[in-house]
Amino acid sequence: MVTIVGTILTFAVVFGILVFLHEFGHFFMAKLVGIRVEVFSFGYGKRLFGVKKGETDYRVSVIPMGGYVRFLGEGLFEKVRPIAPDDFAAKSRPARFGVMAMGSVMNILLAIVLLAIINMGGVNVPVYQEQVPVIGWIEAGSPAAAADLRAGDEILNINGRPVRTWAEVELAVGAKPERTLTIEVRRDGSVLPIPLRTEKRTRYEMGYAGFYGKVLAQVVIITPGSPAEKAGIKPGDVFVSIDGEPIYLYKFVATIERSPDREIAVGIERDGLPLTLRVTSRREGSVGKIGVSVDAQSVEREFGPLAALGESFRENKRLAFLLVRFIRDLFTGEASTRHLGGPLEIANFSYAALQMGFMVFLRWVAFISLQLGIINLFPIPVFDGGQIFVILIEGIFRRDLSPKLRQIWLQIGFVIFVALIAFVILNDFVKKLPRGWGSLVPW
């Protein structure tokens, strides 16, 4: 019960802040260009209370999730009606364009500011994600093994798109479950195109290939009184070898488990310096343990204000292009709807992010804010992008659309909007079924 209430409240806070800020962008720009704002509401539905200042009713409404602004003349389709100087329709196309775009601009700016704040506070970045994608290990029986990819192969591009880091490789493969990819690699000086059929893993059907980079294991936690503590191993140490053989994260645990009650030499890096320690693993059942919890090697980065802002801009730019590419892949069938999150998924992730810490929560809010800002620019009639599209068309032909065409445009948009909302909500439920959408088919 506590989890359900927490999830609902967290979602309401996240969604409320982002939509309210979006509508404030419209409000601010409208006031700037002289459009009368009749209503600025926090929440939807029936008015609970508020104050009227000038010609604007600032109100709090019964459903506290987001808000809206209503301009003078907005939504009126009469062929002939008196148009006041501060009517929305009385303003120039550039002014109306600015008003409709400013909501998304505010969401995108929020994402940039939040990530800049996080960057200034310091972020842990997995080292391997920024490394050149050279394969360090291939899982037996995986698609990569079947495709005859090998350790030492450098991945150059995937389906014709260049990849420069492991982070780009993970995104390219993860978004393509059960798809045949052409992976171009450099091997022994030659460039080879290799077809690889991905599998899907996890309930979100992430694409899986089975190749990994040279990911080093870094100590996160040491159990008090454990063999590792007695040997002098410390949190932050990075394992580079066991008994003289290079060791990577994905086989570190298995290697230790195969050596119960045996002294082993572990090569580590501590503060950039090499060190060799000897530790005797402790038998637990039939396997060996040394009492450490490890994760991928990471480094903490702190940025000054300008550097943090620049890094935030680059990260948001990258995420924006990934979002657009993902939506395109959804329509072409290259991406799975399992990767699409509706209100239920957003609520669950919001609560999970809050439990993981304030900075994680801020990063999640920034991510959702960016998506809200970009998606609202899509030329769907009930979105801001729909009205921006109309303004651009009118600018090209140098004449306004007729009230009848505007009304038809909005009616089409409303049908599309309802269908989209119904789909994403149903998709959240369907993802929990054993065969996804296939579970709804009776044969």
Protein backbone atom coordinates (compact mmCIF):
# COMPACT_ATOMS: atom_id res chain seq x y z
CA MET A 1 0.00 0.00 0.00
CA VAL A 2 2.83 2.37 0.92
CA THR A 3 4.54 1.63 -2.41
CA ILE A 4 1.35 2.34 -4.38
CA VAL A 5 0.74 5.63 -2.58
CA GLY A 6 4.40 6.61 -2.98
CA THR A 7 4.30 5.78 -6.70
CA ILE A 8 1.15 7.84 -7.26
CA LEU A 9 2.45 10.82 -5.29
CA THR A 10 5.86 10.76 -7.00
CA PHE A 11 4.24 10.59 -10.43
CA ALA A 12 1.93 13.47 -9.53
CA VAL A 13 4.89 15.58 -8.42
CA VAL A 14 7.00 14.80 -11.51
CA PHE A 15 4.21 15.18 -14.02
CA GLY A 16 2.76 18.20 -12.22
CA ILE A 17 6.06 20.09 -12.20
CA LEU A 18 6.87 19.34 -15.84
CA VAL A 19 3.46 20.17 -17.27
CA PHE A 20 3.09 23.26 -15.07
CA LEU A 21 6.49 24.53 -16.25
CA HIS A 22 5.49 23.78 -19.84
CA GLU A 23 2.32 25.84 -19.51
CA PHE A 24 4.23 28.63 -17.76
CA GLY A 25 6.35 28.87 -20.90
CA HIS A 26 3.23 29.53 -22.97
CA PHE A 27 1.98 31.99 -20.36
CA PHE A 28 5.24 33.94 -20.18
CA MET A 29 5.59 34.27 -23.95
CA ALA A 30 1.93 35.22 -24.38
CA LYS A 31 2.29 38.04 -21.84
CA LEU A 32 5.50 39.13 -23.58
CA VAL A 33 3.82 39.54 -27.00
CA GLY A 34 0.61 41.02 -25.61
CA ILE A 35 -1.83 38.10 -25.83
CA ARG A 36 -4.53 38.09 -23.18
CA VAL A 37 -4.33 35.02 -20.94
CA GLU A 38 -7.80 34.37 -19.59
CA VAL A 39 -6.89 31.38 -17.37
CA PHE A 40 -3.66 30.09 -15.85
CA SER A 41 -4.53 26.94 -13.96
CA PHE A 42 -2.50 24.65 -11.75
CA GLY A 43 -4.30 21.36 -12.30
CA TYR A 44 -7.27 20.41 -14.42
CA GLY A 45 -11.00 20.17 -13.96
CA LYS A 46 -13.19 22.20 -11.63
CA ARG A 47 -11.77 25.40 -10.14
CA LEU A 48 -11.10 25.04 -6.42
CA PHE A 49 -9.83 28.51 -5.57
CA GLY A 50 -7.72 31.29 -7.01
CA VAL A 51 -7.38 35.00 -7.61
CA LYS A 52 -8.16 37.15 -10.57
CA LYS A 53 -5.46 39.70 -11.30
CA GLY A 54 -6.06 41.94 -14.25
CA GLU A 55 -7.67 39.87 -17.00
CA THR A 56 -6.18 36.54 -15.89
CA ASP A 57 -7.78 34.03 -13.53
CA TYR A 58 -4.93 32.36 -11.61
CA ARG A 59 -6.55 29.24 -10.23
CA VAL A 60 -5.94 25.89 -8.59
CA SER A 61 -8.11 23.13 -10.04
CA VAL A 62 -9.22 19.82 -8.61
CA ILE A 63 -6.82 17.45 -10.42
CA PRO A 64 -3.29 18.52 -9.36
CA MET A 65 -1.39 17.06 -12.33
CA GLY A 66 0.05 19.76 -14.53
CA GLY A 67 -1.97 22.72 -15.68
CA TYR A 68 -3.07 24.77 -18.67
CA VAL A 69 -3.40 28.29 -20.02
CA ARG A 70 -6.28 29.62 -22.09
CA PHE A 71 -5.76 32.56 -24.42
CA LEU A 72 -8.39 34.99 -25.63
CA GLY A 73 -9.88 33.57 -28.81
CA GLU A 74 -8.27 30.15 -28.45
CA GLY A 75 -10.40 27.33 -29.83
CA LEU A 76 -13.01 29.60 -31.45
CA PHE A 77 -13.84 28.69 -35.04
CA GLU A 78 -16.57 31.17 -35.97
CA LYS A 79 -16.18 32.43 -39.52
CA VAL A 80 -16.81 36.00 -38.45
CA ARG A 81 -16.13 37.28 -34.94
CA PRO A 82 -14.72 40.45 -33.48
CA ILE A 83 -10.98 40.13 -32.86
CA ALA A 84 -9.53 42.27 -30.10
CA PRO A 85 -5.94 43.56 -30.32
CA ASP A 86 -4.87 41.11 -27.58
CA ASP A 87 -6.63 38.12 -29.19
CA PHE A 88 -4.41 35.16 -30.06
CA ALA A 89 -5.52 35.38 -33.69
CA ALA A 90 -4.62 39.10 -33.86
CA LYS A 91 -0.91 38.49 -33.38
CA SER A 92 1.67 37.89 -36.08
CA ARG A 93 2.68 34.38 -37.04
CA PRO A 94 6.17 34.73 -35.48
CA ALA A 95 4.52 35.82 -32.20
CA ARG A 96 2.11 32.86 -32.24
CA PHE A 97 4.96 30.54 -33.18
CA GLY A 98 6.95 31.75 -30.17
CA VAL A 99 4.01 31.27 -27.81
CA MET A 100 3.39 27.70 -28.95
CA ALA A 101 7.08 26.74 -28.95
CA MET A 102 7.95 28.22 -25.57
CA GLY A 103 6.34 25.37 -23.60
CA SER A 104 8.73 22.83 -25.11
CA VAL A 105 11.63 25.28 -24.82
CA MET A 106 11.02 25.50 -21.06
CA ASN A 107 11.05 21.71 -20.70
CA ILE A 108 14.26 21.40 -22.71
CA LEU A 109 15.88 24.21 -20.71
CA LEU A 110 14.91 22.46 -17.46
CA ALA A 111 16.61 19.26 -18.66
CA ILE A 112 19.78 21.21 -19.51
CA VAL A 113 19.81 23.05 -16.16
CA LEU A 114 19.18 19.92 -14.08
CA LEU A 115 21.95 17.93 -15.78
CA ALA A 116 24.29 20.90 -15.37
CA ILE A 117 23.55 20.94 -11.61
CA ILE A 118 24.20 17.20 -11.43
CA ASN A 119 27.48 17.62 -13.33
CA MET A 120 28.65 20.32 -10.94
CA GLY A 121 27.91 18.03 -7.99
CA GLY A 122 30.00 15.24 -9.50
CA VAL A 123 28.96 12.16 -11.46
CA ASN A 124 30.29 8.60 -11.56
CA VAL A 125 30.94 7.56 -15.15
CA PRO A 126 31.71 3.92 -16.06
CA VAL A 127 35.15 4.02 -17.69
CA TYR A 128 34.40 1.45 -20.38
CA GLN A 129 31.41 3.37 -21.80
CA GLU A 130 33.68 6.04 -23.23
CA GLN A 131 36.28 3.60 -24.52
CA VAL A 132 36.76 2.60 -28.16
CA PRO A 133 34.51 -0.48 -28.67
CA VAL A 134 37.08 -3.26 -28.79
CA ILE A 135 35.60 -6.63 -27.79
CA GLY A 136 37.20 -8.06 -24.65
CA TRP A 137 35.03 -11.11 -24.06
CA ILE A 138 32.27 -13.08 -25.79
CA GLU A 139 29.74 -15.16 -23.89
CA ALA A 140 29.60 -18.82 -24.94
CA GLY A 141 26.44 -19.69 -26.88
CA SER A 142 25.59 -16.04 -27.50
CA PRO A 143 24.63 -14.44 -30.84
CA ALA A 144 28.12 -12.92 -30.99
CA ALA A 145 29.70 -16.37 -30.65
CA ALA A 146 27.42 -17.74 -33.38
CA ALA A 147 28.39 -14.85 -35.65
CA ASP A 148 32.10 -15.64 -35.11
CA LEU A 149 32.91 -12.29 -33.56
CA ARG A 150 36.16 -12.48 -31.62
CA ALA A 151 37.94 -10.85 -28.71
CA GLY A 152 40.07 -8.04 -30.10
CA ASP A 153 37.58 -7.09 -32.86
CA GLU A 154 37.02 -3.33 -32.98
CA ILE A 155 33.39 -2.45 -33.77
CA LEU A 156 33.29 0.34 -36.37
CA ASN A 157 29.61 0.67 -37.24
CA ILE A 158 26.26 -1.05 -36.77
CA ASN A 159 23.80 -1.08 -39.67
CA GLY A 160 25.90 1.58 -41.38
CA ARG A 161 25.91 3.97 -38.40
CA PRO A 162 29.36 4.68 -36.97
CA VAL A 163 29.86 3.85 -33.29
CA ARG A 164 32.74 5.46 -31.44
CA THR A 165 32.22 4.25 -27.86
CA TRP A 166 30.78 1.30 -25.97
CA ALA A 167 27.89 3.52 -24.82
CA GLU A 168 26.87 3.96 -28.47
CA VAL A 169 27.22 0.22 -29.11
CA GLU A 170 25.01 -0.65 -26.12
CA LEU A 171 22.29 1.75 -27.27
CA ALA A 172 22.43 0.53 -30.88
CA VAL A 173 22.15 -3.15 -29.88
CA GLY A 174 19.74 -2.66 -26.97
CA ALA A 175 17.17 -0.97 -29.20
CA LYS A 176 17.19 -3.84 -31.73
CA PRO A 177 15.89 -7.08 -30.16
CA GLU A 178 15.49 -10.05 -32.51
CA ARG A 179 16.86 -8.11 -35.47
CA THR A 180 19.63 -8.97 -37.92
CA LEU A 181 22.36 -6.38 -37.60
CA THR A 182 25.33 -5.84 -39.89
CA ILE A 183 28.29 -5.20 -37.62
CA GLU A 184 31.42 -3.92 -39.32
CA VAL A 185 34.60 -4.73 -37.40
CA ARG A 186 38.30 -4.19 -37.83
CA ARG A 187 40.24 -7.47 -37.41
CA ASP A 188 43.97 -7.86 -38.05
CA GLY A 189 43.98 -4.74 -40.21
CA SER A 190 41.02 -5.84 -42.34
CA VAL A 191 37.46 -4.47 -42.20
CA LEU A 192 34.80 -7.21 -42.13
CA PRO A 193 30.98 -6.95 -42.30
CA ILE A 194 29.47 -9.56 -39.99
CA PRO A 195 25.73 -10.33 -39.80
CA LEU A 196 24.47 -10.91 -36.25
CA ARG A 197 20.96 -11.86 -35.15
CA THR A 198 20.24 -10.37 -31.74
CA GLU A 199 18.15 -11.99 -29.03
CA LYS A 200 15.92 -10.27 -26.50
CA ARG A 201 16.56 -10.17 -22.77
CA THR A 202 14.68 -8.81 -19.71
CA ARG A 203 10.98 -8.01 -19.60
CA TYR A 204 11.70 -4.86 -21.61
CA GLU A 205 12.98 -7.01 -24.50
CA MET A 206 16.34 -5.29 -24.75
CA GLY A 207 18.51 -6.42 -27.62
CA TYR A 208 21.27 -8.84 -26.61
CA ALA A 209 24.41 -9.75 -28.58
CA GLY A 210 26.71 -11.30 -25.98
CA PHE A 211 29.90 -9.32 -26.58
CA TYR A 212 31.49 -7.06 -23.96
CA GLY A 213 34.32 -4.59 -23.69
CA LYS A 214 37.37 -4.77 -21.45
CA VAL A 215 35.38 -3.86 -18.34
CA LEU A 216 37.50 -3.87 -15.20
CA ALA A 217 36.00 -4.78 -11.81
CA GLN A 218 36.11 -2.11 -9.10
CA VAL A 219 35.53 -2.80 -5.41
CA VAL A 220 32.34 -1.18 -4.10
CA ILE A 221 31.84 -2.89 -0.73
CA ILE A 222 34.10 -5.06 1.44
CA THR A 223 32.61 -7.38 4.05
CA PRO A 224 34.12 -6.73 7.51
CA GLY A 225 36.44 -9.55 8.58
CA SER A 226 36.53 -11.02 5.07
CA PRO A 227 39.63 -12.42 3.34
CA ALA A 228 39.68 -9.30 1.14
CA GLU A 229 39.82 -6.97 4.16
CA LYS A 230 42.55 -9.06 5.80
CA ALA A 231 44.58 -8.93 2.56
CA GLY A 232 44.43 -5.14 2.50
CA ILE A 233 41.98 -4.70 -0.38
CA LYS A 234 40.08 -1.40 -0.13
CA PRO A 235 36.94 0.12 -1.69
CA GLY A 236 37.86 1.79 -4.98
CA ASP A 237 40.57 -0.75 -5.84
CA VAL A 238 40.40 -1.97 -9.44
CA PHE A 239 41.18 -5.62 -10.20
CA VAL A 240 43.36 -6.05 -13.29
CA SER A 241 44.63 -9.64 -12.92
CA ILE A 242 44.35 -12.89 -10.99
CA ASP A 243 47.46 -15.06 -10.80
CA GLY A 244 49.00 -13.00 -13.58
CA GLU A 245 46.08 -13.41 -16.02
CA PRO A 246 44.06 -10.33 -17.09
CA ILE A 247 40.64 -10.32 -15.42
CA TYR A 248 37.45 -8.54 -16.43
CA LEU A 249 34.21 -7.90 -14.58
CA TYR A 250 32.16 -10.58 -16.32
CA LYS A 251 34.47 -13.44 -15.24
CA PHE A 252 35.83 -12.04 -11.98
CA VAL A 253 33.26 -13.73 -9.72
CA ALA A 254 33.44 -17.05 -11.61
CA THR A 255 37.24 -17.07 -11.34
CA ILE A 256 37.14 -16.49 -7.57
CA GLU A 257 34.44 -19.11 -7.10
CA ARG A 258 36.60 -21.72 -8.85
CA SER A 259 39.36 -21.23 -6.25
CA PRO A 260 37.98 -22.15 -2.79
CA ASP A 261 40.52 -22.39 0.06
CA ARG A 262 43.36 -21.29 -2.22
CA GLU A 263 45.77 -18.38 -2.04
CA ILE A 264 45.62 -16.27 -5.16
CA ALA A 265 47.61 -13.25 -6.31
CA VAL A 266 45.40 -10.33 -7.29
CA GLY A 267 46.78 -7.46 -9.31
CA ILE A 268 45.03 -4.19 -8.54
CA GLU A 269 45.26 -0.51 -9.36
CA ARG A 270 44.95 1.89 -6.45
CA ASP A 271 45.04 5.62 -7.12
CA GLY A 272 46.61 4.87 -10.49
CA LEU A 273 49.44 2.76 -9.05
CA PRO A 274 49.87 -1.03 -9.62
CA LEU A 275 49.87 -3.30 -6.58
CA THR A 276 49.87 -7.07 -6.04
CA LEU A 277 48.19 -8.58 -2.97
CA ARG A 278 47.72 -12.18 -1.90
CA VAL A 279 44.35 -13.31 -0.64
CA THR A 280 43.09 -16.75 0.41
CA SER A 281 39.52 -17.34 -0.68
CA ARG A 282 37.05 -18.66 1.88
CA ARG A 283 35.01 -21.75 1.05
CA GLU A 284 31.25 -21.17 1.15
CA GLY A 285 29.50 -24.37 0.15
CA SER A 286 31.41 -25.55 -2.90
CA VAL A 287 32.66 -22.16 -4.11
CA GLY A 288 35.25 -19.61 -3.07
CA LYS A 289 34.47 -16.11 -1.78
CA ILE A 290 36.74 -13.24 -0.77
CA GLY A 291 34.04 -10.89 0.56
CA VAL A 292 33.86 -8.10 -2.01
CA SER A 293 31.09 -6.56 -4.07
CA VAL A 294 32.30 -5.26 -7.42
CA ASP A 295 30.93 -3.16 -10.25
CA ALA A 296 32.24 -1.73 -13.50
CA GLN A 297 35.21 0.57 -12.98
CA SER A 298 34.06 4.17 -12.80
CA VAL A 299 35.55 7.61 -12.30
CA GLU A 300 33.98 10.59 -10.59
CA ARG A 301 33.90 13.74 -12.64
CA GLU A 302 33.20 17.23 -11.37
CA PHE A 303 32.68 20.18 -13.67
CA GLY A 304 32.85 23.92 -13.23
CA PRO A 305 29.68 25.88 -14.08
CA LEU A 306 30.48 26.49 -17.76
CA ALA A 307 31.91 23.01 -18.34
CA ALA A 308 28.88 21.47 -16.58
CA LEU A 309 26.54 23.44 -18.84
CA GLY A 310 28.45 22.40 -21.96
CA GLU A 311 28.45 18.75 -20.92
CA SER A 312 24.73 18.94 -20.15
CA PHE A 313 24.01 20.42 -23.58
CA ARG A 314 25.98 17.65 -25.31
CA GLU A 315 24.24 14.92 -23.29
CA ASN A 316 20.77 16.34 -23.95
CA LYS A 317 21.58 16.69 -27.64
CA ARG A 318 22.61 13.03 -27.75
CA LEU A 319 19.45 11.94 -25.91
CA ALA A 320 17.26 14.06 -28.20
CA PHE A 321 18.66 12.40 -31.32
CA LEU A 322 18.23 8.97 -29.72
CA LEU A 323 14.58 9.73 -28.93
CA VAL A 324 13.84 10.82 -32.49
CA ARG A 325 15.66 7.77 -33.85
CA PHE A 326 13.74 5.48 -31.48
CA ILE A 327 10.37 6.88 -32.56
CA ARG A 328 11.36 6.43 -36.18
CA ASP A 329 12.41 2.83 -35.47
CA LEU A 330 9.05 2.19 -33.77
CA PHE A 331 7.24 3.12 -36.96
CA THR A 332 9.58 1.04 -39.14
CA GLY A 333 9.32 -1.96 -36.79
CA GLU A 334 13.02 -1.97 -35.89
CA ALA A 335 12.35 -1.08 -32.22
CA SER A 336 10.10 -2.96 -29.81
CA THR A 337 7.09 -1.41 -28.08
CA ARG A 338 8.51 -2.98 -24.91
CA HIS A 339 10.86 0.00 -24.84
CA LEU A 340 7.92 2.41 -24.86
CA GLY A 341 6.85 3.61 -21.43
CA GLY A 342 3.40 5.02 -20.68
CA PRO A 343 2.06 6.66 -17.51
CA LEU A 344 2.27 3.46 -15.45
CA GLU A 345 5.90 2.83 -16.37
CA ILE A 346 6.83 6.48 -15.81
CA ALA A 347 5.18 6.36 -12.38
CA ASN A 348 7.05 3.19 -11.40
CA PHE A 349 10.40 4.52 -12.62
CA SER A 350 9.82 7.87 -10.90
CA TYR A 351 9.30 6.21 -7.53
CA ALA A 352 12.26 3.87 -8.07
CA ALA A 353 14.49 6.84 -8.99
CA LEU A 354 13.42 8.72 -5.85
CA GLN A 355 14.33 5.73 -3.69
CA MET A 356 17.80 5.61 -5.32
CA GLY A 357 18.64 9.14 -4.20
CA PHE A 358 17.94 12.78 -4.94
CA MET A 359 20.52 13.11 -7.73
CA VAL A 360 19.18 10.02 -9.50
CA PHE A 361 15.68 11.47 -9.17
CA LEU A 362 16.83 14.80 -10.66
CA ARG A 363 18.41 12.97 -13.60
CA TRP A 364 15.14 11.11 -14.18
CA VAL A 365 13.12 14.37 -14.08
CA ALA A 366 15.56 15.89 -16.59
CA PHE A 367 15.16 12.86 -18.88
CA ILE A 368 11.35 13.00 -18.80
CA SER A 369 11.35 16.79 -19.22
CA LEU A 370 13.46 16.50 -22.36
CA GLN A 371 11.15 13.86 -23.81
CA LEU A 372 8.04 15.91 -23.00
CA GLY A 373 9.55 18.95 -24.67
CA ILE A 374 10.54 17.11 -27.85
CA ILE A 375 7.40 15.00 -28.24
CA ASN A 376 5.22 18.11 -27.87
CA LEU A 377 6.92 19.50 -30.98
CA PHE A 378 5.74 16.60 -33.13
CA PRO A 379 3.16 17.76 -35.73
CA ILE A 380 0.19 16.06 -34.10
CA PRO A 381 -2.80 18.44 -34.02
CA VAL A 382 -3.50 18.50 -30.27
CA PHE A 383 0.20 18.88 -29.47
CA ASP A 384 1.94 22.24 -29.65
CA GLY A 385 3.72 20.92 -32.72
CA GLY A 386 0.36 20.60 -34.47
CA GLN A 387 -0.35 24.30 -34.07
CA ILE A 388 3.24 25.18 -34.99
CA PHE A 389 2.81 23.10 -38.14
CA VAL A 390 -0.33 25.07 -39.06
CA ILE A 391 1.45 28.38 -38.46
CA LEU A 392 4.33 27.26 -40.72
CA ILE A 393 1.93 26.16 -43.47
CA GLU A 394 0.11 29.50 -43.25
CA GLY A 395 3.45 31.29 -43.47
CA ILE A 396 4.44 29.34 -46.59
CA PHE A 397 1.14 30.07 -48.38
CA ARG A 398 0.82 33.56 -46.82
CA ARG A 399 -2.80 33.03 -45.83
CA ASP A 400 -4.63 31.66 -42.79
CA LEU A 401 -6.42 28.34 -42.89
CA SER A 402 -10.17 28.60 -42.84
CA PRO A 403 -11.95 28.06 -39.50
CA LYS A 404 -13.46 24.87 -40.97
CA LEU A 405 -10.04 23.41 -41.83
CA ARG A 406 -8.69 24.34 -38.38
CA GLN A 407 -11.61 22.57 -36.73
CA ILE A 408 -11.15 19.44 -38.85
CA TRP A 409 -7.40 19.49 -38.06
CA LEU A 410 -8.08 19.58 -34.31
CA GLN A 411 -10.74 16.87 -34.53
CA ILE A 412 -8.31 14.57 -36.34
CA GLY A 413 -5.71 15.38 -33.72
CA PHE A 414 -8.06 14.57 -30.87
CA VAL A 415 -8.76 11.11 -32.32
CA ILE A 416 -5.01 10.50 -32.77
CA PHE A 417 -4.30 11.74 -29.25
CA VAL A 418 -6.93 9.48 -27.64
CA ALA A 419 -5.64 6.52 -29.66
CA LEU A 420 -2.04 7.22 -28.56
CA ILE A 421 -2.99 7.53 -24.90
CA ALA A 422 -5.04 4.32 -25.05
CA PHE A 423 -2.16 2.51 -26.75
CA VAL A 424 0.58 3.53 -24.31
CA ILE A 425 -1.58 2.72 -21.27
CA LEU A 426 -2.58 -0.67 -22.71
CA ASN A 427 1.05 -1.26 -23.67
CA ASP A 428 2.08 -0.81 -20.03
CA PHE A 429 -0.29 -3.63 -19.08
CA VAL A 430 0.58 -5.84 -22.06
CA LYS A 431 4.30 -5.76 -21.21
CA LYS A 432 3.50 -7.68 -18.03
CA LEU A 433 1.90 -10.54 -20.00
CA PRO A 434 3.98 -13.63 -20.90
CA ARG A 435 3.94 -13.07 -24.67
CA GLY A 436 3.32 -9.33 -24.77
CA TRP A 437 0.79 -8.32 -27.40
CA GLY A 438 0.77 -11.92 -28.59
CA SER A 439 -1.00 -12.88 -25.36
CA LEU A 440 -4.09 -11.00 -26.58
CA VAL A 441 -4.36 -13.18 -29.66
CA PRO A 442 -6.46 -16.32 -28.89
CA TRP A 443 -4.62 -18.54 -31.41
